Amino acid sequence: MNNKGQVLVLFIILISSVLTVFICAFDFYNYNYNKLKIDNLNRVIIKKYYNKDINIIKDIIEKNDDSLTYNVYYKEEVLYISLTKKIKGIIIKNDINSYYKAYLEKEKIIIERVM
């Protein structure tokens, strides 16, 4: 009996399966890392620059990550910030969106995620 061919086939299947799992795990980590990063950027900008000029907020966004697409505006004393980043992973190719609004209520800044 010659099992060398069978072992080689099983080895190739095993290596490709393990490699696929690692690639999926890396893409998932990369997606979640970038999602957390732009959500945190959005919240920090709102906390520190809520009453500032929109151009200052835009400059801060561009200095932190120049690959972001953003939209910043005030509407009836409510600040809206929308951040979008394109992710180019091996498997995951998607846009990450972070959309928050902030307003003052009893001298406290209220931050809410907008869906």
C-alpha atoms as a PDB file:
ATOM      1  CA  MET A   1       0.000   0.000   0.000  1.00  0.00           C
ATOM      2  CA  ASN A   2       1.287   3.412  -0.959  1.00  0.00           C
ATOM      3  CA  ASN A   3      -0.296   6.224   1.134  1.00  0.00           C
ATOM      4  CA  LYS A   4       2.078   9.024   0.111  1.00  0.00           C
ATOM      5  CA  GLY A   5      -0.380  10.515  -2.368  1.00  0.00           C
ATOM      6  CA  GLN A   6      -3.248  10.463   0.116  1.00  0.00           C
ATOM      7  CA  VAL A   7      -1.181  12.129   2.829  1.00  0.00           C
ATOM      8  CA  LEU A   8      -0.060  14.840   0.406  1.00  0.00           C
ATOM      9  CA  VAL A   9      -3.671  15.589  -0.589  1.00  0.00           C
ATOM     10  CA  LEU A  10      -4.773  15.725   3.062  1.00  0.00           C
ATOM     11  CA  PHE A  11      -1.818  17.990   3.897  1.00  0.00           C
ATOM     12  CA  ILE A  12      -2.717  20.418   1.081  1.00  0.00           C
ATOM     13  CA  ILE A  13      -6.375  20.484   2.157  1.00  0.00           C
ATOM     14  CA  LEU A  14      -5.377  21.066   5.782  1.00  0.00           C
ATOM     15  CA  ILE A  15      -2.917  23.876   4.940  1.00  0.00           C
ATOM     16  CA  SER A  16      -5.430  25.656   2.687  1.00  0.00           C
ATOM     17  CA  SER A  17      -8.145  25.383   5.356  1.00  0.00           C
ATOM     18  CA  VAL A  18      -5.880  26.778   8.089  1.00  0.00           C
ATOM     19  CA  LEU A  19      -4.726  29.587   5.791  1.00  0.00           C
ATOM     20  CA  THR A  20      -8.337  30.481   4.974  1.00  0.00           C
ATOM     21  CA  VAL A  21      -9.221  30.647   8.673  1.00  0.00           C
ATOM     22  CA  PHE A  22      -6.248  32.936   9.381  1.00  0.00           C
ATOM     23  CA  ILE A  23      -7.125  35.227   6.472  1.00  0.00           C
ATOM     24  CA  CYS A  24     -10.753  35.489   7.638  1.00  0.00           C
ATOM     25  CA  ALA A  25      -9.625  36.199  11.209  1.00  0.00           C
ATOM     26  CA  PHE A  26      -7.230  38.928  10.017  1.00  0.00           C
ATOM     27  CA  ASP A  27      -9.926  40.580   7.864  1.00  0.00           C
ATOM     28  CA  PHE A  28     -12.421  40.450  10.727  1.00  0.00           C
ATOM     29  CA  TYR A  29      -9.860  41.987  13.099  1.00  0.00           C
ATOM     30  CA  ASN A  30      -8.992  44.715  10.561  1.00  0.00           C
ATOM     31  CA  TYR A  31     -12.663  45.579  10.019  1.00  0.00           C
ATOM     32  CA  ASN A  32     -13.434  45.774  13.743  1.00  0.00           C
ATOM     33  CA  TYR A  33     -10.257  47.754  14.494  1.00  0.00           C
ATOM     34  CA  ASN A  34     -11.136  50.391  11.884  1.00  0.00           C
ATOM     35  CA  LYS A  35     -14.777  50.514  13.012  1.00  0.00           C
ATOM     36  CA  LEU A  36     -13.712  51.124  16.612  1.00  0.00           C
ATOM     37  CA  LYS A  37     -11.136  53.690  15.491  1.00  0.00           C
ATOM     38  CA  ILE A  38     -13.589  55.886  13.563  1.00  0.00           C
ATOM     39  CA  ASP A  39     -16.307  55.530  16.226  1.00  0.00           C
ATOM     40  CA  ASN A  40     -13.822  56.714  18.854  1.00  0.00           C
ATOM     41  CA  LEU A  41     -12.647  59.552  16.618  1.00  0.00           C
ATOM     42  CA  ASN A  42     -16.251  60.630  16.158  1.00  0.00           C
ATOM     43  CA  ARG A  43     -16.977  60.638  19.903  1.00  0.00           C
ATOM     44  CA  VAL A  44     -13.734  62.427  20.837  1.00  0.00           C
ATOM     45  CA  ILE A  45     -14.363  65.143  18.257  1.00  0.00           C
ATOM     46  CA  ILE A  46     -17.872  65.664  19.577  1.00  0.00           C
ATOM     47  CA  LYS A  47     -16.715  65.842  23.213  1.00  0.00           C
ATOM     48  CA  LYS A  48     -13.832  68.247  22.609  1.00  0.00           C
ATOM     49  CA  TYR A  49     -15.074  70.379  19.711  1.00  0.00           C
ATOM     50  CA  TYR A  50     -18.852  70.470  20.127  1.00  0.00           C
ATOM     51  CA  ASN A  51     -19.202  74.276  20.188  1.00  0.00           C
ATOM     52  CA  LYS A  52     -16.381  74.956  17.717  1.00  0.00           C
ATOM     53  CA  ASP A  53     -16.524  76.046  14.124  1.00  0.00           C
ATOM     54  CA  ILE A  54     -17.244  73.346  11.529  1.00  0.00           C
ATOM     55  CA  ASN A  55     -13.989  74.097   9.709  1.00  0.00           C
ATOM     56  CA  ILE A  56     -11.996  73.327  12.867  1.00  0.00           C
ATOM     57  CA  ILE A  57     -13.814  69.992  13.170  1.00  0.00           C
ATOM     58  CA  LYS A  58     -13.086  69.184   9.524  1.00  0.00           C
ATOM     59  CA  ASP A  59      -9.392  69.989   9.999  1.00  0.00           C
ATOM     60  CA  ILE A  60      -9.212  67.673  13.005  1.00  0.00           C
ATOM     61  CA  ILE A  61     -10.820  64.842  11.013  1.00  0.00           C
ATOM     62  CA  GLU A  62      -8.393  65.308   8.119  1.00  0.00           C
ATOM     63  CA  LYS A  63      -5.374  65.400  10.450  1.00  0.00           C
ATOM     64  CA  ASN A  64      -6.408  62.148  12.141  1.00  0.00           C
ATOM     65  CA  ASP A  65      -7.210  60.093   9.055  1.00  0.00           C
ATOM     66  CA  ASP A  66      -7.012  61.499   5.534  1.00  0.00           C
ATOM     67  CA  SER A  67      -8.697  58.412   4.037  1.00  0.00           C
ATOM     68  CA  LEU A  68     -12.051  59.266   5.627  1.00  0.00           C
ATOM     69  CA  THR A  69     -15.018  60.688   3.804  1.00  0.00           C
ATOM     70  CA  TYR A  70     -16.937  62.951   6.160  1.00  0.00           C
ATOM     71  CA  ASN A  71     -19.949  65.191   6.492  1.00  0.00           C
ATOM     72  CA  VAL A  72     -20.224  67.686   9.362  1.00  0.00           C
ATOM     73  CA  TYR A  73     -23.118  70.075   9.900  1.00  0.00           C
ATOM     74  CA  TYR A  74     -25.281  71.773  12.503  1.00  0.00           C
ATOM     75  CA  LYS A  75     -29.051  71.576  12.232  1.00  0.00           C
ATOM     76  CA  GLU A  76     -31.156  73.334  14.869  1.00  0.00           C
ATOM     77  CA  GLU A  77     -28.262  73.373  17.367  1.00  0.00           C
ATOM     78  CA  VAL A  78     -27.596  69.656  16.888  1.00  0.00           C
ATOM     79  CA  LEU A  79     -24.173  68.632  15.576  1.00  0.00           C
ATOM     80  CA  TYR A  80     -24.156  65.779  13.066  1.00  0.00           C
ATOM     81  CA  ILE A  81     -20.917  64.019  12.107  1.00  0.00           C
ATOM     82  CA  SER A  82     -20.799  61.238   9.550  1.00  0.00           C
ATOM     83  CA  LEU A  83     -17.526  59.395   8.886  1.00  0.00           C
ATOM     84  CA  THR A  84     -17.019  56.741   6.210  1.00  0.00           C
ATOM     85  CA  LYS A  85     -13.940  54.666   5.482  1.00  0.00           C
ATOM     86  CA  LYS A  86     -13.398  52.148   2.698  1.00  0.00           C
ATOM     87  CA  ILE A  87     -11.891  48.855   3.839  1.00  0.00           C
ATOM     88  CA  LYS A  88      -9.889  46.842   1.324  1.00  0.00           C
ATOM     89  CA  GLY A  89      -9.283  43.509   2.985  1.00  0.00           C
ATOM     90  CA  ILE A  90      -8.570  40.204   1.306  1.00  0.00           C
ATOM     91  CA  ILE A  91     -12.136  38.977   1.794  1.00  0.00           C
ATOM     92  CA  ILE A  92     -13.987  41.952   3.314  1.00  0.00           C
ATOM     93  CA  LYS A  93     -14.310  44.906   0.962  1.00  0.00           C
ATOM     94  CA  ASN A  94     -16.801  47.186   2.618  1.00  0.00           C
ATOM     95  CA  ASP A  95     -17.487  50.706   3.824  1.00  0.00           C
ATOM     96  CA  ILE A  96     -17.450  51.449   7.540  1.00  0.00           C
ATOM     97  CA  ASN A  97     -19.892  54.159   8.598  1.00  0.00           C
ATOM     98  CA  SER A  98     -19.962  56.082  11.849  1.00  0.00           C
ATOM     99  CA  TYR A  99     -22.822  58.541  12.235  1.00  0.00           C
ATOM    100  CA  TYR A 100     -23.403  60.447  15.481  1.00  0.00           C
ATOM    101  CA  LYS A 101     -25.370  63.440  16.611  1.00  0.00           C
ATOM    102  CA  ALA A 102     -24.770  65.602  19.664  1.00  0.00           C
ATOM    103  CA  TYR A 103     -26.771  68.259  21.462  1.00  0.00           C
ATOM    104  CA  LEU A 104     -26.809  70.072  24.775  1.00  0.00           C
ATOM    105  CA  GLU A 105     -29.280  69.079  27.441  1.00  0.00           C
ATOM    106  CA  LYS A 106     -29.030  70.740  30.860  1.00  0.00           C
ATOM    107  CA  GLU A 107     -25.457  71.910  30.166  1.00  0.00           C
ATOM    108  CA  LYS A 108     -24.369  68.360  29.300  1.00  0.00           C
ATOM    109  CA  ILE A 109     -23.402  67.101  25.849  1.00  0.00           C
ATOM    110  CA  ILE A 110     -25.605  64.170  24.814  1.00  0.00           C
ATOM    111  CA  ILE A 111     -24.079  61.934  22.142  1.00  0.00           C
ATOM    112  CA  GLU A 112     -26.292  59.525  20.217  1.00  0.00           C
ATOM    113  CA  ARG A 113     -25.580  57.127  17.419  1.00  0.00           C
ATOM    114  CA  VAL A 114     -27.776  57.672  14.379  1.00  0.00           C
ATOM    115  CA  MET A 115     -28.728  54.578  12.427  1.00  0.00           C
END
